[in-house]
Amino acid sequence: MSLQPNIFIPGNGQFSDHERAAVYRVIFERRDVRRNFLRTPIADDVLARILTAAHHAGSVGFMQPWDFVVIRQHATKRAVKRLFEKTNTQAAMRYEGARATLYRSLMLEGIEEAPINICVTCSRQRGGRHVLGRSTVRDTDLYSTCCAIQNLWLASRAEGIGVGWVSILDHGAMKRVLGIPRPVKVLAYLCLGYVSDFAKEPDLESVGWRARIPVDQLIHHESWGNLISGSGDGNADREVRHVNRGRGKERLGRQRAGKKAAG
């Protein structure tokens, strides 16, 4: 696979109206794809373009902590699929009633169906002990790798290729399957392939699992709570109250347990 893809980049730094519209279109039409993969192979030059786009993501201190394990062999995919099946059975036990039924109906992976799987990793030692910009926020290497994943996803969509992120996996077990060294962290397992069609809206939204939060409930002006919508009761505030209530109940439970033990 050539790692010098034929990508023409104009040097004036400006985008035409059509180019700008294409950027927004690929963002809004990106989907997490788990079904309808075609057997059409992904050409080496196309894969090279996608991985090169991923490699051009921003990274704190220019550490570039990512690596990409490209998987084509069915035996390897099958080994990863078995890990998913085990973990997914455990995950399903977290839900009850109608939610459990809906969970079990969801298509949550396309490991064997997709022509190519890619495991994206983060080498946390890359760049040495002192990486510019990482002294106070140690996890900037993880955040940087997520930028590479998003670049990969958007570039794939521009090529007409679907991407599905399989997150229901035991990363420790997967590292053993793929021979990934202990210090290296797995961040994403992605399924790539051409698809028969892209859904108009995210699968989880269309089946009623979650709805998209209105963006005006997430934008705060100058300080937390000053929302663009003019309401102080945005989604983020409700989540904070929910978390605080949960912590309060846990604290009260511990206090009661302590009193019983003391009595």
C-alpha atoms as a PDB file:
ATOM      1  CA  MET A   1       0.000   0.000   0.000  1.00  0.00           C
ATOM      2  CA  SER A   2       1.466   3.323  -1.045  1.00  0.00           C
ATOM      3  CA  LEU A   3       1.616   5.834   1.766  1.00  0.00           C
ATOM      4  CA  GLN A   4       1.974   8.760  -0.636  1.00  0.00           C
ATOM      5  CA  PRO A   5      -1.654   9.235  -1.742  1.00  0.00           C
ATOM      6  CA  ASN A   6      -2.412  11.548  -4.647  1.00  0.00           C
ATOM      7  CA  ILE A   7      -4.062  14.417  -2.788  1.00  0.00           C
ATOM      8  CA  PHE A   8      -4.041  17.883  -4.354  1.00  0.00           C
ATOM      9  CA  ILE A   9      -4.116  20.683  -1.787  1.00  0.00           C
ATOM     10  CA  PRO A  10      -4.326  24.265  -3.150  1.00  0.00           C
ATOM     11  CA  GLY A  11      -1.931  26.668  -1.505  1.00  0.00           C
ATOM     12  CA  ASN A  12      -4.047  29.808  -1.127  1.00  0.00           C
ATOM     13  CA  GLY A  13      -5.750  28.699   2.099  1.00  0.00           C
ATOM     14  CA  GLN A  14      -9.219  29.599   0.851  1.00  0.00           C
ATOM     15  CA  PHE A  15     -12.201  27.342   0.143  1.00  0.00           C
ATOM     16  CA  SER A  16     -14.830  27.814  -2.513  1.00  0.00           C
ATOM     17  CA  ASP A  17     -18.513  27.760  -1.571  1.00  0.00           C
ATOM     18  CA  HIS A  18     -18.799  24.218  -2.940  1.00  0.00           C
ATOM     19  CA  GLU A  19     -15.759  23.027  -0.991  1.00  0.00           C
ATOM     20  CA  ARG A  20     -17.037  24.584   2.216  1.00  0.00           C
ATOM     21  CA  ALA A  21     -20.462  23.022   1.713  1.00  0.00           C
ATOM     22  CA  ALA A  22     -18.818  19.633   1.159  1.00  0.00           C
ATOM     23  CA  VAL A  23     -17.035  19.859   4.518  1.00  0.00           C
ATOM     24  CA  TYR A  24     -20.285  20.515   6.358  1.00  0.00           C
ATOM     25  CA  ARG A  25     -22.091  17.858   4.365  1.00  0.00           C
ATOM     26  CA  VAL A  26     -19.593  15.151   5.303  1.00  0.00           C
ATOM     27  CA  ILE A  27     -19.885  16.158   8.968  1.00  0.00           C
ATOM     28  CA  PHE A  28     -23.682  16.068   9.008  1.00  0.00           C
ATOM     29  CA  GLU A  29     -23.901  12.864   6.949  1.00  0.00           C
ATOM     30  CA  ARG A  30     -21.339  10.915   8.973  1.00  0.00           C
ATOM     31  CA  ARG A  31     -22.922   7.820  10.471  1.00  0.00           C
ATOM     32  CA  ASP A  32     -21.911   5.023  12.839  1.00  0.00           C
ATOM     33  CA  VAL A  33     -22.441   2.120  10.432  1.00  0.00           C
ATOM     34  CA  ARG A  34     -23.064  -1.443  11.642  1.00  0.00           C
ATOM     35  CA  ARG A  35     -25.000  -2.976   8.736  1.00  0.00           C
ATOM     36  CA  ASN A  36     -25.345  -3.053   4.944  1.00  0.00           C
ATOM     37  CA  PHE A  37     -21.621  -3.510   4.281  1.00  0.00           C
ATOM     38  CA  LEU A  38     -20.820  -4.512   0.709  1.00  0.00           C
ATOM     39  CA  ARG A  39     -18.149  -6.984  -0.328  1.00  0.00           C
ATOM     40  CA  THR A  40     -16.530  -4.354  -2.526  1.00  0.00           C
ATOM     41  CA  PRO A  41     -12.864  -4.192  -1.480  1.00  0.00           C
ATOM     42  CA  ILE A  42     -11.301  -0.929  -0.367  1.00  0.00           C
ATOM     43  CA  ALA A  43      -8.451  -0.112  -2.750  1.00  0.00           C
ATOM     44  CA  ASP A  44      -5.017   0.460  -1.249  1.00  0.00           C
ATOM     45  CA  ASP A  45      -4.813   4.044  -2.513  1.00  0.00           C
ATOM     46  CA  VAL A  46      -8.182   4.876  -0.940  1.00  0.00           C
ATOM     47  CA  LEU A  47      -7.122   3.381   2.396  1.00  0.00           C
ATOM     48  CA  ALA A  48      -3.869   5.327   2.164  1.00  0.00           C
ATOM     49  CA  ARG A  49      -5.786   8.581   1.723  1.00  0.00           C
ATOM     50  CA  ILE A  50      -7.984   7.803   4.719  1.00  0.00           C
ATOM     51  CA  LEU A  51      -5.071   6.907   7.002  1.00  0.00           C
ATOM     52  CA  THR A  52      -3.085   9.923   5.832  1.00  0.00           C
ATOM     53  CA  ALA A  53      -6.049  12.142   6.702  1.00  0.00           C
ATOM     54  CA  ALA A  54      -6.154  10.523  10.145  1.00  0.00           C
ATOM     55  CA  HIS A  55      -2.423  11.124  10.555  1.00  0.00           C
ATOM     56  CA  HIS A  56      -2.911  14.834   9.824  1.00  0.00           C
ATOM     57  CA  ALA A  57      -5.059  15.353  12.912  1.00  0.00           C
ATOM     58  CA  GLY A  58      -4.009  17.927  15.443  1.00  0.00           C
ATOM     59  CA  SER A  59      -2.025  16.631  18.417  1.00  0.00           C
ATOM     60  CA  VAL A  60      -0.836  18.413  21.536  1.00  0.00           C
ATOM     61  CA  GLY A  61       2.916  18.984  21.371  1.00  0.00           C
ATOM     62  CA  PHE A  62       2.820  17.425  17.882  1.00  0.00           C
ATOM     63  CA  MET A  63       3.245  14.074  19.668  1.00  0.00           C
ATOM     64  CA  GLN A  64       1.245  12.105  17.037  1.00  0.00           C
ATOM     65  CA  PRO A  65       0.563   9.269  19.509  1.00  0.00           C
ATOM     66  CA  TRP A  66      -1.596   7.136  17.226  1.00  0.00           C
ATOM     67  CA  ASP A  67      -0.973   3.862  15.404  1.00  0.00           C
ATOM     68  CA  PHE A  68      -3.351   1.918  13.150  1.00  0.00           C
ATOM     69  CA  VAL A  69      -3.579  -1.879  13.135  1.00  0.00           C
ATOM     70  CA  VAL A  70      -5.220  -2.779   9.807  1.00  0.00           C
ATOM     71  CA  ILE A  71      -7.050  -6.124   9.898  1.00  0.00           C
ATOM     72  CA  ARG A  72      -8.197  -8.015   6.818  1.00  0.00           C
ATOM     73  CA  GLN A  73      -7.937 -11.707   7.739  1.00  0.00           C
ATOM     74  CA  HIS A  74     -11.148 -13.457   8.734  1.00  0.00           C
ATOM     75  CA  ALA A  75      -9.460 -15.461  11.500  1.00  0.00           C
ATOM     76  CA  THR A  76      -8.426 -12.273  13.282  1.00  0.00           C
ATOM     77  CA  LYS A  77     -11.864 -10.727  12.828  1.00  0.00           C
ATOM     78  CA  ARG A  78     -13.473 -13.879  14.197  1.00  0.00           C
ATOM     79  CA  ALA A  79     -11.271 -13.769  17.297  1.00  0.00           C
ATOM     80  CA  VAL A  80     -12.314 -10.167  17.935  1.00  0.00           C
ATOM     81  CA  LYS A  81     -15.963 -11.043  17.247  1.00  0.00           C
ATOM     82  CA  ARG A  82     -15.829 -13.672  19.999  1.00  0.00           C
ATOM     83  CA  LEU A  83     -14.575 -11.007  22.403  1.00  0.00           C
ATOM     84  CA  PHE A  84     -17.505  -8.801  21.425  1.00  0.00           C
ATOM     85  CA  GLU A  85     -20.035 -11.593  21.939  1.00  0.00           C
ATOM     86  CA  LYS A  86     -18.764 -12.263  25.453  1.00  0.00           C
ATOM     87  CA  THR A  87     -18.686  -8.596  26.459  1.00  0.00           C
ATOM     88  CA  ASN A  88     -22.035  -7.835  24.846  1.00  0.00           C
ATOM     89  CA  THR A  89     -23.739 -10.599  26.837  1.00  0.00           C
ATOM     90  CA  GLN A  90     -22.470  -8.969  30.016  1.00  0.00           C
ATOM     91  CA  ALA A  91     -23.488  -5.486  28.843  1.00  0.00           C
ATOM     92  CA  ALA A  92     -27.041  -6.616  28.054  1.00  0.00           C
ATOM     93  CA  MET A  93     -27.543  -7.587  31.693  1.00  0.00           C
ATOM     94  CA  ARG A  94     -27.420  -3.913  32.684  1.00  0.00           C
ATOM     95  CA  TYR A  95     -30.852  -3.281  31.161  1.00  0.00           C
ATOM     96  CA  GLU A  96     -34.326  -4.437  32.111  1.00  0.00           C
ATOM     97  CA  GLY A  97     -37.767  -4.625  30.512  1.00  0.00           C
ATOM     98  CA  ALA A  98     -38.387  -2.771  27.258  1.00  0.00           C
ATOM     99  CA  ARG A  99     -34.916  -1.226  27.353  1.00  0.00           C
ATOM    100  CA  ALA A 100     -33.341  -4.688  27.485  1.00  0.00           C
ATOM    101  CA  THR A 101     -35.484  -5.869  24.571  1.00  0.00           C
ATOM    102  CA  LEU A 102     -34.505  -2.820  22.523  1.00  0.00           C
ATOM    103  CA  TYR A 103     -30.828  -3.300  23.400  1.00  0.00           C
ATOM    104  CA  ARG A 104     -30.842  -6.894  22.183  1.00  0.00           C
ATOM    105  CA  SER A 105     -32.439  -5.797  18.909  1.00  0.00           C
ATOM    106  CA  LEU A 106     -29.653  -3.325  18.123  1.00  0.00           C
ATOM    107  CA  MET A 107     -26.958  -4.115  15.578  1.00  0.00           C
ATOM    108  CA  LEU A 108     -23.843  -3.138  17.516  1.00  0.00           C
ATOM    109  CA  GLU A 109     -21.008  -4.389  15.309  1.00  0.00           C
ATOM    110  CA  GLY A 110     -20.058  -5.342  11.772  1.00  0.00           C
ATOM    111  CA  ILE A 111     -16.727  -6.984  12.538  1.00  0.00           C
ATOM    112  CA  GLU A 112     -16.909  -9.908  10.127  1.00  0.00           C
ATOM    113  CA  GLU A 113     -19.065  -8.182   7.522  1.00  0.00           C
ATOM    114  CA  ALA A 114     -16.769  -5.184   6.983  1.00  0.00           C
ATOM    115  CA  PRO A 115     -13.861  -5.753   4.550  1.00  0.00           C
ATOM    116  CA  ILE A 116     -11.399  -3.922   6.795  1.00  0.00           C
ATOM    117  CA  ASN A 117     -11.161  -3.485  10.554  1.00  0.00           C
ATOM    118  CA  ILE A 118      -8.815  -0.925  12.092  1.00  0.00           C
ATOM    119  CA  CYS A 119      -7.701  -0.833  15.702  1.00  0.00           C
ATOM    120  CA  VAL A 120      -6.564   2.681  16.650  1.00  0.00           C
ATOM    121  CA  THR A 121      -4.091   2.866  19.515  1.00  0.00           C
ATOM    122  CA  CYS A 122      -2.383   5.549  21.572  1.00  0.00           C
ATOM    123  CA  SER A 123       1.310   5.253  22.486  1.00  0.00           C
ATOM    124  CA  ARG A 124       1.382   7.152  25.758  1.00  0.00           C
ATOM    125  CA  GLN A 125       5.188   7.366  25.910  1.00  0.00           C
ATOM    126  CA  ARG A 126       5.574   8.880  22.450  1.00  0.00           C
ATOM    127  CA  GLY A 127       7.344  12.205  22.503  1.00  0.00           C
ATOM    128  CA  GLY A 128       9.316  11.445  25.646  1.00  0.00           C
ATOM    129  CA  ARG A 129       8.787  12.423  29.275  1.00  0.00           C
ATOM    130  CA  HIS A 130       8.195  16.113  28.609  1.00  0.00           C
ATOM    131  CA  VAL A 131       5.697  16.803  25.831  1.00  0.00           C
ATOM    132  CA  LEU A 132       4.898  20.443  25.173  1.00  0.00           C
ATOM    133  CA  GLY A 133       1.405  21.235  26.480  1.00  0.00           C
ATOM    134  CA  ARG A 134       0.982  17.994  28.423  1.00  0.00           C
ATOM    135  CA  SER A 135       2.468  18.924  31.780  1.00  0.00           C
ATOM    136  CA  THR A 136      -0.865  19.731  33.458  1.00  0.00           C
ATOM    137  CA  VAL A 137      -3.329  17.688  31.374  1.00  0.00           C
ATOM    138  CA  ARG A 138      -1.814  14.228  31.037  1.00  0.00           C
ATOM    139  CA  ASP A 139      -4.598  12.800  28.887  1.00  0.00           C
ATOM    140  CA  THR A 140      -4.008  15.128  25.944  1.00  0.00           C
ATOM    141  CA  ASP A 141      -2.492  12.158  24.102  1.00  0.00           C
ATOM    142  CA  LEU A 142      -5.853  10.368  24.332  1.00  0.00           C
ATOM    143  CA  TYR A 143      -7.730  13.456  23.177  1.00  0.00           C
ATOM    144  CA  SER A 144      -5.311  13.883  20.275  1.00  0.00           C
ATOM    145  CA  THR A 145      -5.858  10.287  19.159  1.00  0.00           C
ATOM    146  CA  CYS A 146      -9.617  10.891  19.171  1.00  0.00           C
ATOM    147  CA  CYS A 147      -9.000  13.758  16.735  1.00  0.00           C
ATOM    148  CA  ALA A 148      -7.266  11.263  14.429  1.00  0.00           C
ATOM    149  CA  ILE A 149     -10.248   8.911  14.715  1.00  0.00           C
ATOM    150  CA  GLN A 150     -12.631  11.697  13.709  1.00  0.00           C
ATOM    151  CA  ASN A 151     -10.429  12.602  10.731  1.00  0.00           C
ATOM    152  CA  LEU A 152     -10.468   8.950   9.670  1.00  0.00           C
ATOM    153  CA  TRP A 153     -14.252   8.832  10.000  1.00  0.00           C
ATOM    154  CA  LEU A 154     -14.872  11.979   7.966  1.00  0.00           C
ATOM    155  CA  ALA A 155     -12.368  11.047   5.262  1.00  0.00           C
ATOM    156  CA  SER A 156     -14.013   7.631   4.978  1.00  0.00           C
ATOM    157  CA  ARG A 157     -17.431   9.239   4.586  1.00  0.00           C
ATOM    158  CA  ALA A 158     -16.058  11.490   1.845  1.00  0.00           C
ATOM    159  CA  GLU A 159     -14.874   8.326   0.058  1.00  0.00           C
ATOM    160  CA  GLY A 160     -18.341   6.748   0.391  1.00  0.00           C
ATOM    161  CA  ILE A 161     -17.081   4.318   3.037  1.00  0.00           C
ATOM    162  CA  GLY A 162     -19.004   3.558   6.214  1.00  0.00           C
ATOM    163  CA  VAL A 163     -17.320   3.327   9.608  1.00  0.00           C
ATOM    164  CA  GLY A 164     -18.656   1.606  12.714  1.00  0.00           C
ATOM    165  CA  TRP A 165     -17.016   2.066  16.121  1.00  0.00           C
ATOM    166  CA  VAL A 166     -17.248  -1.141  18.176  1.00  0.00           C
ATOM    167  CA  SER A 167     -16.862  -0.075  21.800  1.00  0.00           C
ATOM    168  CA  ILE A 168     -18.283  -3.178  23.512  1.00  0.00           C
ATOM    169  CA  LEU A 169     -14.939  -4.963  23.765  1.00  0.00           C
ATOM    170  CA  ASP A 170     -12.475  -5.997  26.447  1.00  0.00           C
ATOM    171  CA  HIS A 171      -9.463  -3.970  25.361  1.00  0.00           C
ATOM    172  CA  GLY A 172      -7.059  -6.025  27.462  1.00  0.00           C
ATOM    173  CA  ALA A 173      -8.148  -9.236  25.756  1.00  0.00           C
ATOM    174  CA  MET A 174      -8.081  -7.544  22.365  1.00  0.00           C
ATOM    175  CA  LYS A 175      -4.508  -6.394  22.906  1.00  0.00           C
ATOM    176  CA  ARG A 176      -3.534 -10.032  23.416  1.00  0.00           C
ATOM    177  CA  VAL A 177      -5.314 -11.061  20.203  1.00  0.00           C
ATOM    178  CA  LEU A 178      -3.595  -8.322  18.184  1.00  0.00           C
ATOM    179  CA  GLY A 179      -0.200  -8.496  19.916  1.00  0.00           C
ATOM    180  CA  ILE A 180      -0.343  -4.879  21.091  1.00  0.00           C
ATOM    181  CA  PRO A 181       2.352  -4.067  23.698  1.00  0.00           C
ATOM    182  CA  ARG A 182       1.253  -3.424  27.271  1.00  0.00           C
ATOM    183  CA  PRO A 183       2.157   0.318  27.443  1.00  0.00           C
ATOM    184  CA  VAL A 184       0.080   1.050  24.318  1.00  0.00           C
ATOM    185  CA  LYS A 185      -3.589   1.894  24.912  1.00  0.00           C
ATOM    186  CA  VAL A 186      -6.405   0.787  22.617  1.00  0.00           C
ATOM    187  CA  LEU A 187      -8.809   3.639  21.878  1.00  0.00           C
ATOM    188  CA  ALA A 188     -11.049   2.415  19.070  1.00  0.00           C
ATOM    189  CA  TYR A 189     -11.944  -0.645  17.031  1.00  0.00           C
ATOM    190  CA  LEU A 190     -13.429   0.434  13.706  1.00  0.00           C
ATOM    191  CA  CYS A 191     -15.189  -1.494  10.937  1.00  0.00           C
ATOM    192  CA  LEU A 192     -14.769   0.003   7.449  1.00  0.00           C
ATOM    193  CA  GLY A 193     -16.480  -0.810   4.185  1.00  0.00           C
ATOM    194  CA  TYR A 194     -18.596   0.474   1.347  1.00  0.00           C
ATOM    195  CA  VAL A 195     -22.294   0.277   2.223  1.00  0.00           C
ATOM    196  CA  SER A 196     -25.512   0.025   0.245  1.00  0.00           C
ATOM    197  CA  ASP A 197     -26.760   3.285   1.767  1.00  0.00           C
ATOM    198  CA  PHE A 198     -26.191   5.746   4.583  1.00  0.00           C
ATOM    199  CA  ALA A 199     -29.044   6.319   7.013  1.00  0.00           C
ATOM    200  CA  LYS A 200     -30.651   9.760   7.097  1.00  0.00           C
ATOM    201  CA  GLU A 201     -30.297   9.877  10.875  1.00  0.00           C
ATOM    202  CA  PRO A 202     -28.248   7.967  13.485  1.00  0.00           C
ATOM    203  CA  ASP A 203     -29.537   4.451  14.179  1.00  0.00           C
ATOM    204  CA  LEU A 204     -29.900   5.061  17.915  1.00  0.00           C
ATOM    205  CA  GLU A 205     -32.002   8.133  17.194  1.00  0.00           C
ATOM    206  CA  SER A 206     -34.237   6.383  14.670  1.00  0.00           C
ATOM    207  CA  VAL A 207     -35.038   3.483  17.045  1.00  0.00           C
ATOM    208  CA  GLY A 208     -35.731   5.798  19.973  1.00  0.00           C
ATOM    209  CA  TRP A 209     -32.706   4.999  22.132  1.00  0.00           C
ATOM    210  CA  ARG A 210     -31.607   8.629  22.391  1.00  0.00           C
ATOM    211  CA  ALA A 211     -32.543  11.941  20.769  1.00  0.00           C
ATOM    212  CA  ARG A 212     -30.119  14.608  19.590  1.00  0.00           C
ATOM    213  CA  ILE A 213     -29.812  17.377  22.166  1.00  0.00           C
ATOM    214  CA  PRO A 214     -30.613  20.860  20.771  1.00  0.00           C
ATOM    215  CA  VAL A 215     -27.317  22.688  20.435  1.00  0.00           C
ATOM    216  CA  ASP A 216     -28.672  25.828  22.132  1.00  0.00           C
ATOM    217  CA  GLN A 217     -28.925  23.801  25.356  1.00  0.00           C
ATOM    218  CA  LEU A 218     -25.188  23.150  25.246  1.00  0.00           C
ATOM    219  CA  ILE A 219     -23.731  26.609  24.533  1.00  0.00           C
ATOM    220  CA  HIS A 220     -22.884  28.730  27.597  1.00  0.00           C
ATOM    221  CA  HIS A 221     -21.926  32.412  27.303  1.00  0.00           C
ATOM    222  CA  GLU A 222     -19.019  33.603  29.448  1.00  0.00           C
ATOM    223  CA  SER A 223     -19.915  31.293  32.341  1.00  0.00           C
ATOM    224  CA  TRP A 224     -21.781  28.039  32.998  1.00  0.00           C
ATOM    225  CA  GLY A 225     -25.560  28.353  32.871  1.00  0.00           C
ATOM    226  CA  ASN A 226     -25.802  31.420  30.636  1.00  0.00           C
ATOM    227  CA  LEU A 227     -27.373  29.543  27.757  1.00  0.00           C
ATOM    228  CA  ILE A 228     -28.059  30.888  24.282  1.00  0.00           C
ATOM    229  CA  SER A 229     -31.673  29.769  24.721  1.00  0.00           C
ATOM    230  CA  GLY A 230     -32.089  32.123  27.673  1.00  0.00           C
ATOM    231  CA  SER A 231     -33.047  29.280  29.988  1.00  0.00           C
ATOM    232  CA  GLY A 232     -30.946  28.155  32.918  1.00  0.00           C
ATOM    233  CA  ASP A 233     -32.455  24.681  32.796  1.00  0.00           C
ATOM    234  CA  GLY A 234     -30.432  23.203  29.966  1.00  0.00           C
ATOM    235  CA  ASN A 235     -29.484  19.592  29.392  1.00  0.00           C
ATOM    236  CA  ALA A 236     -26.047  20.052  30.963  1.00  0.00           C
ATOM    237  CA  ASP A 237     -27.558  21.526  34.151  1.00  0.00           C
ATOM    238  CA  ARG A 238     -30.009  18.647  34.471  1.00  0.00           C
ATOM    239  CA  GLU A 239     -27.158  16.164  34.123  1.00  0.00           C
ATOM    240  CA  VAL A 240     -25.172  17.922  36.847  1.00  0.00           C
ATOM    241  CA  ARG A 241     -28.159  17.833  39.198  1.00  0.00           C
ATOM    242  CA  HIS A 242     -28.729  14.163  38.396  1.00  0.00           C
ATOM    243  CA  VAL A 243     -25.102  13.300  39.169  1.00  0.00           C
ATOM    244  CA  ASN A 244     -25.147  15.331  42.381  1.00  0.00           C
ATOM    245  CA  ARG A 245     -28.370  13.649  43.521  1.00  0.00           C
ATOM    246  CA  GLY A 246     -26.789  10.270  42.845  1.00  0.00           C
ATOM    247  CA  ARG A 247     -23.714  11.182  44.859  1.00  0.00           C
ATOM    248  CA  GLY A 248     -25.928  12.497  47.659  1.00  0.00           C
ATOM    249  CA  LYS A 249     -27.833   9.225  47.834  1.00  0.00           C
ATOM    250  CA  GLU A 250     -24.582   7.261  47.897  1.00  0.00           C
ATOM    251  CA  ARG A 251     -23.221   9.482  50.680  1.00  0.00           C
ATOM    252  CA  LEU A 252     -26.444   9.133  52.699  1.00  0.00           C
ATOM    253  CA  GLY A 253     -26.343   5.364  52.243  1.00  0.00           C
ATOM    254  CA  ARG A 254     -22.779   5.217  53.532  1.00  0.00           C
ATOM    255  CA  GLN A 255     -23.692   7.372  56.524  1.00  0.00           C
ATOM    256  CA  ARG A 256     -26.644   5.159  57.421  1.00  0.00           C
ATOM    257  CA  ALA A 257     -24.533   2.045  57.035  1.00  0.00           C
ATOM    258  CA  GLY A 258     -21.920   3.577  59.315  1.00  0.00           C
ATOM    259  CA  LYS A 259     -24.501   4.398  61.995  1.00  0.00           C
ATOM    260  CA  LYS A 260     -25.880   0.855  61.898  1.00  0.00           C
ATOM    261  CA  ALA A 261     -22.389  -0.573  62.243  1.00  0.00           C
ATOM    262  CA  ALA A 262     -21.655   1.764  65.155  1.00  0.00           C
ATOM    263  CA  GLY A 263     -24.981   0.926  66.866  1.00  0.00           C
END
